[in-house]
Amino acid sequence: MRNKTQFTSSLKIGFLCFSFLLIFIFILRSSFFFPISQPQTHLSNTTISPEASDDEATKSEPPPCLTGTCTKIPPSLANVIIHYATTNVTPQQTIHKISVSARVLQKKSPCNFLVFGLGHDSLMWTSLNHGGQTVFLEEDKACIGKISEIFPSLESYHVVYDTKVRDADELMKMGMEEEDCRTVTDPRFSKWK
């Protein structure tokens, strides 16, 4: 019995360390490969009249974080670090599955990212797609309510699926065999499941 609790504790600690490592690599990579550029001065023929206030001159400047000189981590990333550092939740996916999606997001984010299912790892996916739109589809209304209370910033929608995961092999086989199922059409008007 003790080995099992030690294993789960080790697994949780390992996942937490891996999460911090991913976050560290993400931060290091973004600042190493994309060095922060120094603001450039542009000369123009326009002049500011003495009557113009300092407020008007600063209105044309973008906020500091949009110029590439912001040194703070995004709020979503801070929330993820705090969440995973203070929770005892076992990951819902294996490290391999998480790594596959993380590599895609590392190359493509910010992007539109659709996630099937909502859970304790949802905050991680939103943060890995920082600046993009992450949408979660969930079949369980109670789960949506529970997660929305904890993470109100997550965008989630209730859906009802006509098929289940247990039907996947049969549906894939059917899709490979039927010519009509392989043609690209609008899925809303398809006769296939």
N, C-alpha and C. Protein backbone atom coordinates (compact mmCIF):
# COMPACT_ATOMS: atom_id res chain seq x y z
N MET A 1 0.83 -1.20 0.00
CA MET A 1 0.00 0.00 0.00
C MET A 1 0.87 1.26 0.00
N ARG A 2 1.97 1.19 0.72
CA ARG A 2 2.84 2.35 0.81
C ARG A 2 3.49 2.66 -0.54
N ASN A 3 3.83 1.63 -1.29
CA ASN A 3 4.44 1.84 -2.59
C ASN A 3 3.50 2.59 -3.54
N LYS A 4 2.21 2.27 -3.46
CA LYS A 4 1.24 2.93 -4.33
C LYS A 4 1.13 4.42 -3.99
N THR A 5 1.08 4.75 -2.71
CA THR A 5 0.99 6.17 -2.34
C THR A 5 2.28 6.90 -2.68
N GLN A 6 3.43 6.20 -2.51
CA GLN A 6 4.69 6.82 -2.90
C GLN A 6 4.72 7.05 -4.40
N PHE A 7 4.21 6.08 -5.16
CA PHE A 7 4.19 6.21 -6.61
C PHE A 7 3.32 7.38 -7.05
N THR A 8 2.12 7.51 -6.47
CA THR A 8 1.25 8.62 -6.86
C THR A 8 1.85 9.96 -6.43
N SER A 9 2.49 9.98 -5.27
CA SER A 9 3.15 11.22 -4.84
C SER A 9 4.29 11.56 -5.79
N SER A 10 5.07 10.55 -6.15
CA SER A 10 6.18 10.78 -7.08
C SER A 10 5.66 11.23 -8.44
N LEU A 11 4.56 10.64 -8.87
CA LEU A 11 3.97 11.02 -10.15
C LEU A 11 3.50 12.47 -10.13
N LYS A 12 2.87 12.86 -9.03
CA LYS A 12 2.39 14.24 -8.92
C LYS A 12 3.57 15.22 -8.90
N ILE A 13 4.59 14.88 -8.14
CA ILE A 13 5.76 15.75 -8.07
C ILE A 13 6.44 15.82 -9.43
N GLY A 14 6.52 14.67 -10.10
CA GLY A 14 7.11 14.64 -11.43
C GLY A 14 6.34 15.49 -12.42
N PHE A 15 5.02 15.40 -12.38
CA PHE A 15 4.18 16.20 -13.28
C PHE A 15 4.34 17.68 -12.98
N LEU A 16 4.39 18.03 -11.71
CA LEU A 16 4.56 19.43 -11.33
C LEU A 16 5.91 19.96 -11.82
N CYS A 17 6.96 19.17 -11.61
CA CYS A 17 8.29 19.57 -12.08
C CYS A 17 8.31 19.71 -13.60
N PHE A 18 7.67 18.76 -14.28
CA PHE A 18 7.61 18.83 -15.74
C PHE A 18 6.86 20.08 -16.19
N SER A 19 5.77 20.42 -15.51
CA SER A 19 5.01 21.61 -15.86
C SER A 19 5.87 22.86 -15.71
N PHE A 20 6.59 22.95 -14.60
CA PHE A 20 7.47 24.10 -14.40
C PHE A 20 8.57 24.14 -15.45
N LEU A 21 9.09 22.97 -15.81
CA LEU A 21 10.12 22.90 -16.83
C LEU A 21 9.58 23.40 -18.16
N LEU A 22 8.37 22.98 -18.53
CA LEU A 22 7.76 23.44 -19.78
C LEU A 22 7.57 24.95 -19.77
N ILE A 23 7.10 25.45 -18.66
CA ILE A 23 6.87 26.90 -18.54
C ILE A 23 8.21 27.64 -18.64
N PHE A 24 9.23 27.12 -17.97
CA PHE A 24 10.55 27.74 -18.01
C PHE A 24 11.10 27.72 -19.44
N ILE A 25 10.98 26.59 -20.12
CA ILE A 25 11.46 26.48 -21.50
C ILE A 25 10.68 27.44 -22.40
N PHE A 26 9.38 27.52 -22.19
CA PHE A 26 8.54 28.42 -22.98
C PHE A 26 9.01 29.86 -22.81
N ILE A 27 9.26 30.27 -21.59
CA ILE A 27 9.70 31.64 -21.32
C ILE A 27 11.10 31.87 -21.88
N LEU A 28 12.00 30.92 -21.65
CA LEU A 28 13.37 31.04 -22.12
C LEU A 28 13.41 31.08 -23.64
N ARG A 29 12.66 30.20 -24.27
CA ARG A 29 12.68 30.12 -25.73
C ARG A 29 12.12 31.38 -26.36
N SER A 30 11.04 31.89 -25.80
CA SER A 30 10.43 33.08 -26.40
C SER A 30 11.34 34.29 -26.27
N SER A 31 12.13 34.39 -25.22
CA SER A 31 13.01 35.54 -25.08
C SER A 31 14.37 35.30 -25.73
N PHE A 32 14.76 34.04 -25.95
CA PHE A 32 16.06 33.74 -26.54
C PHE A 32 16.00 33.81 -28.06
N PHE A 33 14.99 33.18 -28.67
CA PHE A 33 14.89 33.16 -30.11
C PHE A 33 14.24 34.42 -30.67
N PHE A 34 13.49 35.09 -29.87
CA PHE A 34 12.87 36.33 -30.30
C PHE A 34 13.32 37.43 -29.35
N PRO A 35 14.56 37.91 -29.50
CA PRO A 35 15.06 38.90 -28.56
C PRO A 35 14.21 40.16 -28.57
N ILE A 36 14.14 40.75 -27.42
CA ILE A 36 13.34 41.96 -27.27
C ILE A 36 14.02 43.08 -28.04
N SER A 37 13.30 43.64 -28.97
CA SER A 37 13.87 44.70 -29.79
C SER A 37 13.76 46.03 -29.04
N GLN A 38 14.74 46.85 -29.28
CA GLN A 38 14.76 48.16 -28.66
C GLN A 38 13.83 49.08 -29.46
N PRO A 39 13.10 49.93 -28.78
CA PRO A 39 12.23 50.85 -29.51
C PRO A 39 13.06 51.74 -30.43
N GLN A 40 12.55 51.96 -31.62
CA GLN A 40 13.25 52.79 -32.57
C GLN A 40 12.62 54.18 -32.59
N THR A 41 13.46 55.15 -32.84
CA THR A 41 12.98 56.52 -32.92
C THR A 41 12.73 56.84 -34.38
N HIS A 42 11.56 57.34 -34.67
CA HIS A 42 11.22 57.72 -36.04
C HIS A 42 11.08 59.23 -36.09
N LEU A 43 11.72 59.83 -37.06
CA LEU A 43 11.63 61.26 -37.23
C LEU A 43 10.52 61.58 -38.22
N SER A 44 9.80 62.61 -37.94
CA SER A 44 8.76 63.03 -38.87
C SER A 44 8.72 64.55 -38.92
N ASN A 45 7.97 65.06 -39.84
CA ASN A 45 7.85 66.51 -39.99
C ASN A 45 6.77 67.11 -39.13
N THR A 46 6.06 66.29 -38.37
CA THR A 46 4.99 66.82 -37.54
C THR A 46 5.56 67.43 -36.28
N THR A 47 4.91 68.45 -35.82
CA THR A 47 5.33 69.09 -34.58
C THR A 47 4.17 69.11 -33.63
N ILE A 48 4.49 69.10 -32.37
CA ILE A 48 3.46 69.17 -31.34
C ILE A 48 3.44 70.60 -30.83
N SER A 49 2.28 71.19 -30.86
CA SER A 49 2.16 72.57 -30.42
C SER A 49 2.35 72.64 -28.91
N PRO A 50 2.81 73.75 -28.41
CA PRO A 50 3.02 73.89 -26.97
C PRO A 50 1.73 73.73 -26.18
N GLU A 51 0.57 73.97 -26.84
CA GLU A 51 -0.68 73.84 -26.12
C GLU A 51 -1.06 72.38 -25.89
N ALA A 52 -0.47 71.47 -26.67
CA ALA A 52 -0.82 70.05 -26.53
C ALA A 52 -0.29 69.54 -25.20
N SER A 53 -1.12 68.84 -24.51
CA SER A 53 -0.72 68.34 -23.20
C SER A 53 0.10 67.05 -23.34
N ASP A 54 0.74 66.66 -22.26
CA ASP A 54 1.51 65.42 -22.25
C ASP A 54 0.60 64.21 -22.44
N ASP A 55 -0.65 64.32 -21.99
CA ASP A 55 -1.59 63.20 -22.13
C ASP A 55 -1.82 62.87 -23.60
N GLU A 56 -1.93 63.91 -24.44
CA GLU A 56 -2.18 63.68 -25.86
C GLU A 56 -0.97 63.03 -26.51
N ALA A 57 0.22 63.39 -26.08
CA ALA A 57 1.43 62.81 -26.66
C ALA A 57 1.57 61.34 -26.29
N THR A 58 1.14 60.98 -25.08
CA THR A 58 1.29 59.59 -24.66
C THR A 58 0.19 58.69 -25.18
N LYS A 59 -0.91 59.28 -25.67
CA LYS A 59 -2.01 58.46 -26.18
C LYS A 59 -1.59 57.67 -27.41
N SER A 60 -0.65 58.20 -28.19
CA SER A 60 -0.24 57.51 -29.41
C SER A 60 0.74 56.37 -29.13
N GLU A 61 1.32 56.33 -27.96
CA GLU A 61 2.25 55.25 -27.62
C GLU A 61 1.47 54.01 -27.21
N PRO A 62 1.89 52.83 -27.70
CA PRO A 62 1.21 51.61 -27.28
C PRO A 62 1.53 51.28 -25.84
N PRO A 63 0.69 50.49 -25.20
CA PRO A 63 0.97 50.08 -23.83
C PRO A 63 2.33 49.37 -23.76
N PRO A 64 3.01 49.43 -22.64
CA PRO A 64 4.36 48.89 -22.53
C PRO A 64 4.48 47.41 -22.93
N CYS A 65 3.50 46.58 -22.61
CA CYS A 65 3.62 45.15 -22.91
C CYS A 65 3.47 44.85 -24.39
N LEU A 66 2.91 45.76 -25.16
CA LEU A 66 2.75 45.51 -26.58
C LEU A 66 3.99 45.87 -27.37
N THR A 67 4.93 46.57 -26.75
CA THR A 67 6.14 46.95 -27.45
C THR A 67 7.23 45.90 -27.33
N GLY A 68 7.01 44.86 -26.56
CA GLY A 68 8.02 43.82 -26.42
C GLY A 68 8.96 44.06 -25.25
N THR A 69 8.69 45.09 -24.44
CA THR A 69 9.58 45.38 -23.33
C THR A 69 8.98 44.98 -21.99
N CYS A 70 7.85 44.32 -22.00
CA CYS A 70 7.20 43.91 -20.76
C CYS A 70 7.95 42.73 -20.16
N THR A 71 8.24 42.81 -18.88
CA THR A 71 8.98 41.73 -18.23
C THR A 71 8.10 40.89 -17.33
N LYS A 72 6.83 41.19 -17.24
CA LYS A 72 5.92 40.40 -16.42
C LYS A 72 5.43 39.20 -17.20
N ILE A 73 5.15 38.12 -16.48
CA ILE A 73 4.55 36.97 -17.15
C ILE A 73 3.06 37.24 -17.32
N PRO A 74 2.44 36.65 -18.34
CA PRO A 74 1.01 36.87 -18.54
C PRO A 74 0.21 36.39 -17.34
N PRO A 75 -0.90 37.05 -17.03
CA PRO A 75 -1.72 36.64 -15.88
C PRO A 75 -2.18 35.19 -15.98
N SER A 76 -2.49 34.74 -17.20
CA SER A 76 -2.95 33.35 -17.35
C SER A 76 -1.85 32.37 -16.95
N LEU A 77 -0.61 32.70 -17.26
CA LEU A 77 0.51 31.83 -16.89
C LEU A 77 0.73 31.85 -15.38
N ALA A 78 0.58 33.00 -14.78
CA ALA A 78 0.70 33.09 -13.32
C ALA A 78 -0.37 32.25 -12.64
N ASN A 79 -1.60 32.31 -13.16
CA ASN A 79 -2.68 31.49 -12.59
C ASN A 79 -2.40 30.01 -12.72
N VAL A 80 -1.83 29.59 -13.83
CA VAL A 80 -1.50 28.17 -14.02
C VAL A 80 -0.46 27.72 -13.02
N ILE A 81 0.57 28.51 -12.84
CA ILE A 81 1.63 28.14 -11.89
C ILE A 81 1.06 28.01 -10.49
N ILE A 82 0.26 28.96 -10.09
CA ILE A 82 -0.35 28.91 -8.76
C ILE A 82 -1.27 27.71 -8.63
N HIS A 83 -2.08 27.47 -9.65
CA HIS A 83 -3.02 26.34 -9.61
C HIS A 83 -2.29 25.01 -9.45
N TYR A 84 -1.32 24.75 -10.30
CA TYR A 84 -0.64 23.46 -10.26
C TYR A 84 0.29 23.31 -9.06
N ALA A 85 0.73 24.43 -8.51
CA ALA A 85 1.58 24.35 -7.32
C ALA A 85 0.77 24.07 -6.06
N THR A 86 -0.52 24.36 -6.10
CA THR A 86 -1.34 24.22 -4.89
C THR A 86 -2.39 23.12 -4.98
N THR A 87 -2.36 22.29 -5.99
CA THR A 87 -3.38 21.26 -6.14
C THR A 87 -2.77 19.86 -6.06
N ASN A 88 -3.57 18.91 -5.66
CA ASN A 88 -3.15 17.52 -5.58
C ASN A 88 -3.88 16.67 -6.61
N VAL A 89 -4.20 17.23 -7.74
CA VAL A 89 -4.98 16.54 -8.76
C VAL A 89 -4.04 15.76 -9.68
N THR A 90 -4.38 14.50 -9.91
CA THR A 90 -3.61 13.66 -10.82
C THR A 90 -3.94 14.07 -12.25
N PRO A 91 -2.93 14.14 -13.13
CA PRO A 91 -3.20 14.54 -14.51
C PRO A 91 -4.19 13.60 -15.20
N GLN A 92 -5.00 14.16 -16.09
CA GLN A 92 -5.99 13.37 -16.81
C GLN A 92 -5.38 12.69 -18.03
N GLN A 93 -4.24 13.18 -18.49
CA GLN A 93 -3.58 12.62 -19.67
C GLN A 93 -2.17 12.21 -19.32
N THR A 94 -1.60 11.34 -20.15
CA THR A 94 -0.21 10.94 -19.95
C THR A 94 0.70 12.08 -20.39
N ILE A 95 1.93 12.02 -19.95
CA ILE A 95 2.91 13.04 -20.30
C ILE A 95 3.13 13.05 -21.81
N HIS A 96 3.05 11.88 -22.44
CA HIS A 96 3.24 11.79 -23.89
C HIS A 96 2.13 12.54 -24.63
N LYS A 97 0.89 12.33 -24.22
CA LYS A 97 -0.24 12.99 -24.88
C LYS A 97 -0.18 14.51 -24.67
N ILE A 98 0.17 14.91 -23.48
CA ILE A 98 0.29 16.35 -23.21
C ILE A 98 1.40 16.95 -24.06
N SER A 99 2.51 16.24 -24.19
CA SER A 99 3.66 16.74 -24.95
C SER A 99 3.33 16.93 -26.42
N VAL A 100 2.54 16.03 -26.99
CA VAL A 100 2.16 16.15 -28.40
C VAL A 100 1.41 17.45 -28.63
N SER A 101 0.39 17.69 -27.83
CA SER A 101 -0.40 18.93 -27.98
C SER A 101 0.44 20.16 -27.65
N ALA A 102 1.30 20.05 -26.66
CA ALA A 102 2.14 21.19 -26.28
C ALA A 102 3.10 21.57 -27.41
N ARG A 103 3.64 20.57 -28.12
CA ARG A 103 4.54 20.87 -29.24
C ARG A 103 3.78 21.59 -30.37
N VAL A 104 2.57 21.16 -30.63
CA VAL A 104 1.76 21.82 -31.66
C VAL A 104 1.49 23.27 -31.25
N LEU A 105 1.10 23.47 -30.00
CA LEU A 105 0.83 24.83 -29.53
C LEU A 105 2.09 25.68 -29.51
N GLN A 106 3.22 25.07 -29.25
CA GLN A 106 4.47 25.81 -29.23
C GLN A 106 4.76 26.39 -30.62
N LYS A 107 4.41 25.64 -31.65
CA LYS A 107 4.66 26.10 -33.02
C LYS A 107 3.56 27.02 -33.54
N LYS A 108 2.31 26.76 -33.16
CA LYS A 108 1.18 27.44 -33.78
C LYS A 108 0.55 28.55 -32.95
N SER A 109 0.79 28.60 -31.65
CA SER A 109 0.11 29.59 -30.83
C SER A 109 0.68 30.98 -31.10
N PRO A 110 -0.11 32.01 -30.95
CA PRO A 110 -1.52 32.01 -30.59
C PRO A 110 -2.37 31.55 -31.77
N CYS A 111 -3.38 30.76 -31.46
CA CYS A 111 -4.24 30.21 -32.50
C CYS A 111 -5.64 29.96 -31.94
N ASN A 112 -6.53 29.49 -32.78
CA ASN A 112 -7.84 29.03 -32.33
C ASN A 112 -7.67 27.57 -31.98
N PHE A 113 -7.90 27.21 -30.72
CA PHE A 113 -7.62 25.86 -30.22
C PHE A 113 -8.89 25.29 -29.62
N LEU A 114 -9.36 24.18 -30.18
CA LEU A 114 -10.58 23.54 -29.73
C LEU A 114 -10.22 22.30 -28.93
N VAL A 115 -10.74 22.21 -27.71
CA VAL A 115 -10.43 21.10 -26.81
C VAL A 115 -11.74 20.37 -26.49
N PHE A 116 -11.72 19.05 -26.68
CA PHE A 116 -12.88 18.23 -26.36
C PHE A 116 -12.72 17.72 -24.94
N GLY A 117 -13.53 18.24 -24.05
CA GLY A 117 -13.47 17.85 -22.65
C GLY A 117 -12.92 18.98 -21.80
N LEU A 118 -13.41 19.04 -20.60
CA LEU A 118 -13.05 20.09 -19.66
C LEU A 118 -12.58 19.43 -18.38
N GLY A 119 -11.52 19.92 -17.80
CA GLY A 119 -11.03 19.30 -16.58
C GLY A 119 -10.01 20.17 -15.88
N HIS A 120 -9.27 19.55 -14.98
CA HIS A 120 -8.30 20.30 -14.19
C HIS A 120 -7.09 20.74 -15.01
N ASP A 121 -6.91 20.16 -16.19
CA ASP A 121 -5.80 20.57 -17.05
C ASP A 121 -6.19 21.68 -18.03
N SER A 122 -7.44 22.10 -17.99
CA SER A 122 -7.93 23.10 -18.95
C SER A 122 -7.19 24.42 -18.85
N LEU A 123 -6.85 24.83 -17.66
CA LEU A 123 -6.12 26.08 -17.47
C LEU A 123 -4.75 26.01 -18.15
N MET A 124 -4.14 24.83 -18.12
CA MET A 124 -2.85 24.65 -18.78
C MET A 124 -2.97 24.89 -20.28
N TRP A 125 -4.03 24.34 -20.90
CA TRP A 125 -4.19 24.48 -22.35
C TRP A 125 -4.42 25.94 -22.73
N THR A 126 -5.20 26.64 -21.94
CA THR A 126 -5.45 28.05 -22.21
C THR A 126 -4.15 28.85 -22.12
N SER A 127 -3.32 28.53 -21.14
CA SER A 127 -2.06 29.26 -20.97
C SER A 127 -1.05 28.92 -22.05
N LEU A 128 -1.01 27.67 -22.48
CA LEU A 128 -0.09 27.30 -23.55
C LEU A 128 -0.48 27.96 -24.87
N ASN A 129 -1.72 28.36 -24.99
CA ASN A 129 -2.19 29.08 -26.18
C ASN A 129 -2.37 30.56 -25.84
N HIS A 130 -1.45 31.12 -25.09
CA HIS A 130 -1.55 32.51 -24.64
C HIS A 130 -1.70 33.45 -25.84
N GLY A 131 -2.72 34.29 -25.77
CA GLY A 131 -2.98 35.24 -26.84
C GLY A 131 -3.93 34.71 -27.89
N GLY A 132 -4.20 33.40 -27.86
CA GLY A 132 -5.14 32.80 -28.80
C GLY A 132 -6.47 32.52 -28.12
N GLN A 133 -7.39 31.94 -28.87
CA GLN A 133 -8.69 31.61 -28.31
C GLN A 133 -8.76 30.10 -28.10
N THR A 134 -8.98 29.69 -26.86
CA THR A 134 -9.11 28.28 -26.51
C THR A 134 -10.55 28.04 -26.09
N VAL A 135 -11.22 27.12 -26.77
CA VAL A 135 -12.62 26.81 -26.50
C VAL A 135 -12.72 25.34 -26.09
N PHE A 136 -13.47 25.09 -25.03
CA PHE A 136 -13.66 23.73 -24.53
C PHE A 136 -15.10 23.29 -24.78
N LEU A 137 -15.25 22.06 -25.29
CA LEU A 137 -16.56 21.45 -25.48
C LEU A 137 -16.70 20.33 -24.47
N GLU A 138 -17.80 20.34 -23.72
CA GLU A 138 -18.00 19.34 -22.66
C GLU A 138 -19.43 18.83 -22.70
N GLU A 139 -19.58 17.53 -22.48
CA GLU A 139 -20.89 16.91 -22.50
C GLU A 139 -21.58 16.98 -21.14
N ASP A 140 -20.83 17.08 -20.08
CA ASP A 140 -21.36 17.05 -18.72
C ASP A 140 -21.59 18.48 -18.22
N LYS A 141 -22.86 18.86 -18.08
CA LYS A 141 -23.19 20.21 -17.61
C LYS A 141 -22.67 20.47 -16.20
N ALA A 142 -22.72 19.45 -15.35
CA ALA A 142 -22.23 19.61 -13.98
C ALA A 142 -20.74 19.92 -13.97
N CYS A 143 -20.01 19.27 -14.84
CA CYS A 143 -18.56 19.52 -14.94
C CYS A 143 -18.30 20.96 -15.39
N ILE A 144 -19.08 21.44 -16.34
CA ILE A 144 -18.92 22.82 -16.80
C ILE A 144 -19.16 23.79 -15.64
N GLY A 145 -20.22 23.54 -14.86
CA GLY A 145 -20.52 24.41 -13.73
C GLY A 145 -19.41 24.40 -12.69
N LYS A 146 -18.89 23.20 -12.38
CA LYS A 146 -17.85 23.07 -11.38
C LYS A 146 -16.55 23.75 -11.82
N ILE A 147 -16.13 23.49 -13.05
CA ILE A 147 -14.88 24.08 -13.54
C ILE A 147 -15.05 25.59 -13.74
N SER A 148 -16.23 26.03 -14.17
CA SER A 148 -16.46 27.47 -14.36
C SER A 148 -16.40 28.24 -13.05
N GLU A 149 -16.77 27.59 -11.95
CA GLU A 149 -16.65 28.25 -10.64
C GLU A 149 -15.18 28.44 -10.28
N ILE A 150 -14.37 27.45 -10.59
CA ILE A 150 -12.94 27.52 -10.25
C ILE A 150 -12.20 28.44 -11.21
N PHE A 151 -12.49 28.30 -12.52
CA PHE A 151 -11.81 29.07 -13.56
C PHE A 151 -12.84 29.81 -14.42
N PRO A 152 -13.33 30.95 -13.96
CA PRO A 152 -14.39 31.65 -14.71
C PRO A 152 -13.92 32.19 -16.06
N SER A 153 -12.61 32.29 -16.28
CA SER A 153 -12.12 32.85 -17.54
C SER A 153 -12.12 31.85 -18.68
N LEU A 154 -12.34 30.56 -18.40
CA LEU A 154 -12.34 29.55 -19.46
C LEU A 154 -13.62 29.65 -20.29
N GLU A 155 -13.47 29.50 -21.59
CA GLU A 155 -14.62 29.54 -22.49
C GLU A 155 -15.04 28.10 -22.79
N SER A 156 -16.20 27.71 -22.26
CA SER A 156 -16.65 26.33 -22.44
C SER A 156 -18.11 26.31 -22.86
N TYR A 157 -18.45 25.27 -23.62
CA TYR A 157 -19.81 25.12 -24.14
C TYR A 157 -20.28 23.69 -23.93
N HIS A 158 -21.56 23.56 -23.65
CA HIS A 158 -22.17 22.24 -23.49
C HIS A 158 -22.53 21.69 -24.87
N VAL A 159 -22.17 20.43 -25.11
CA VAL A 159 -22.51 19.76 -26.36
C VAL A 159 -23.08 18.38 -26.05
N VAL A 160 -23.84 17.86 -26.98
CA VAL A 160 -24.36 16.50 -26.86
C VAL A 160 -23.85 15.73 -28.07
N TYR A 161 -23.12 14.66 -27.81
CA TYR A 161 -22.56 13.86 -28.90
C TYR A 161 -23.51 12.72 -29.25
N ASP A 162 -23.61 12.44 -30.55
CA ASP A 162 -24.44 11.33 -31.01
C ASP A 162 -23.71 10.00 -30.88
N THR A 163 -22.39 10.04 -30.79
CA THR A 163 -21.59 8.82 -30.71
C THR A 163 -20.72 8.86 -29.45
N LYS A 164 -20.18 7.72 -29.10
CA LYS A 164 -19.32 7.61 -27.92
C LYS A 164 -17.93 7.14 -28.34
N VAL A 165 -16.96 7.31 -27.48
CA VAL A 165 -15.59 6.90 -27.76
C VAL A 165 -15.53 5.40 -28.04
N ARG A 166 -16.34 4.63 -27.36
CA ARG A 166 -16.30 3.17 -27.56
C ARG A 166 -16.69 2.79 -28.99
N ASP A 167 -17.35 3.70 -29.72
CA ASP A 167 -17.75 3.43 -31.10
C ASP A 167 -16.68 3.86 -32.11
N ALA A 168 -15.57 4.40 -31.65
CA ALA A 168 -14.58 5.00 -32.54
C ALA A 168 -14.02 4.01 -33.56
N ASP A 169 -13.64 2.81 -33.14
CA ASP A 169 -13.05 1.85 -34.08
C ASP A 169 -14.02 1.49 -35.19
N GLU A 170 -15.26 1.23 -34.81
CA GLU A 170 -16.28 0.88 -35.80
C GLU A 170 -16.54 2.04 -36.76
N LEU A 171 -16.60 3.25 -36.24
CA LEU A 171 -16.84 4.41 -37.08
C LEU A 171 -15.67 4.68 -38.03
N MET A 172 -14.45 4.50 -37.54
CA MET A 172 -13.27 4.69 -38.40
C MET A 172 -13.26 3.66 -39.52
N LYS A 173 -13.59 2.42 -39.19
CA LYS A 173 -13.63 1.35 -40.19
C LYS A 173 -14.68 1.68 -41.25
N MET A 174 -15.85 2.10 -40.81
CA MET A 174 -16.93 2.45 -41.72
C MET A 174 -16.51 3.63 -42.60
N GLY A 175 -15.84 4.59 -42.02
CA GLY A 175 -15.41 5.76 -42.77
C GLY A 175 -14.38 5.43 -43.83
N MET A 176 -13.52 4.46 -43.56
CA MET A 176 -12.50 4.06 -44.53
C MET A 176 -13.10 3.24 -45.67
N GLU A 177 -14.15 2.50 -45.39
CA GLU A 177 -14.75 1.62 -46.40
C GLU A 177 -15.68 2.37 -47.35
N GLU A 178 -16.41 3.32 -46.86
CA GLU A 178 -17.44 4.00 -47.65
C GLU A 178 -16.85 5.20 -48.41
N GLU A 179 -17.02 5.20 -49.70
CA GLU A 179 -16.53 6.30 -50.54
C GLU A 179 -17.24 7.61 -50.19
N ASP A 180 -18.55 7.54 -49.97
CA ASP A 180 -19.32 8.74 -49.64
C ASP A 180 -18.84 9.38 -48.34
N CYS A 181 -18.35 8.57 -47.45
CA CYS A 181 -17.90 9.08 -46.15
C CYS A 181 -16.56 9.79 -46.27
N ARG A 182 -15.78 9.47 -47.30
CA ARG A 182 -14.45 10.07 -47.47
C ARG A 182 -14.49 11.39 -48.21
N THR A 183 -15.55 11.67 -48.93
CA THR A 183 -15.61 12.93 -49.66
C THR A 183 -15.84 14.08 -48.69
N VAL A 184 -15.23 15.18 -48.99
CA VAL A 184 -15.31 16.35 -48.12
C VAL A 184 -16.60 17.11 -48.43
N THR A 185 -17.47 17.18 -47.44
CA THR A 185 -18.72 17.92 -47.55
C THR A 185 -18.97 18.63 -46.23
N ASP A 186 -20.01 19.40 -46.20
CA ASP A 186 -20.39 20.08 -44.96
C ASP A 186 -20.91 19.02 -43.98
N PRO A 187 -20.25 18.83 -42.84
CA PRO A 187 -20.65 17.76 -41.91
C PRO A 187 -22.05 17.95 -41.32
N ARG A 188 -22.57 19.15 -41.35
CA ARG A 188 -23.92 19.37 -40.82
C ARG A 188 -24.98 18.69 -41.66
N PHE A 189 -24.66 18.45 -42.93
CA PHE A 189 -25.63 17.84 -43.83
C PHE A 189 -25.24 16.42 -44.23
N SER A 190 -24.29 15.84 -43.52
CA SER A 190 -23.82 14.49 -43.84
C SER A 190 -24.78 13.45 -43.27
N LYS A 191 -24.93 12.34 -44.01
CA LYS A 191 -25.77 11.25 -43.51
C LYS A 191 -24.98 10.32 -42.60
N TRP A 192 -23.66 10.55 -42.50
CA TRP A 192 -22.80 9.69 -41.68
C TRP A 192 -22.70 10.22 -40.27
N LYS A 193 -22.47 9.32 -39.35
CA LYS A 193 -22.36 9.67 -37.93
C LYS A 193 -21.16 10.52 -37.73
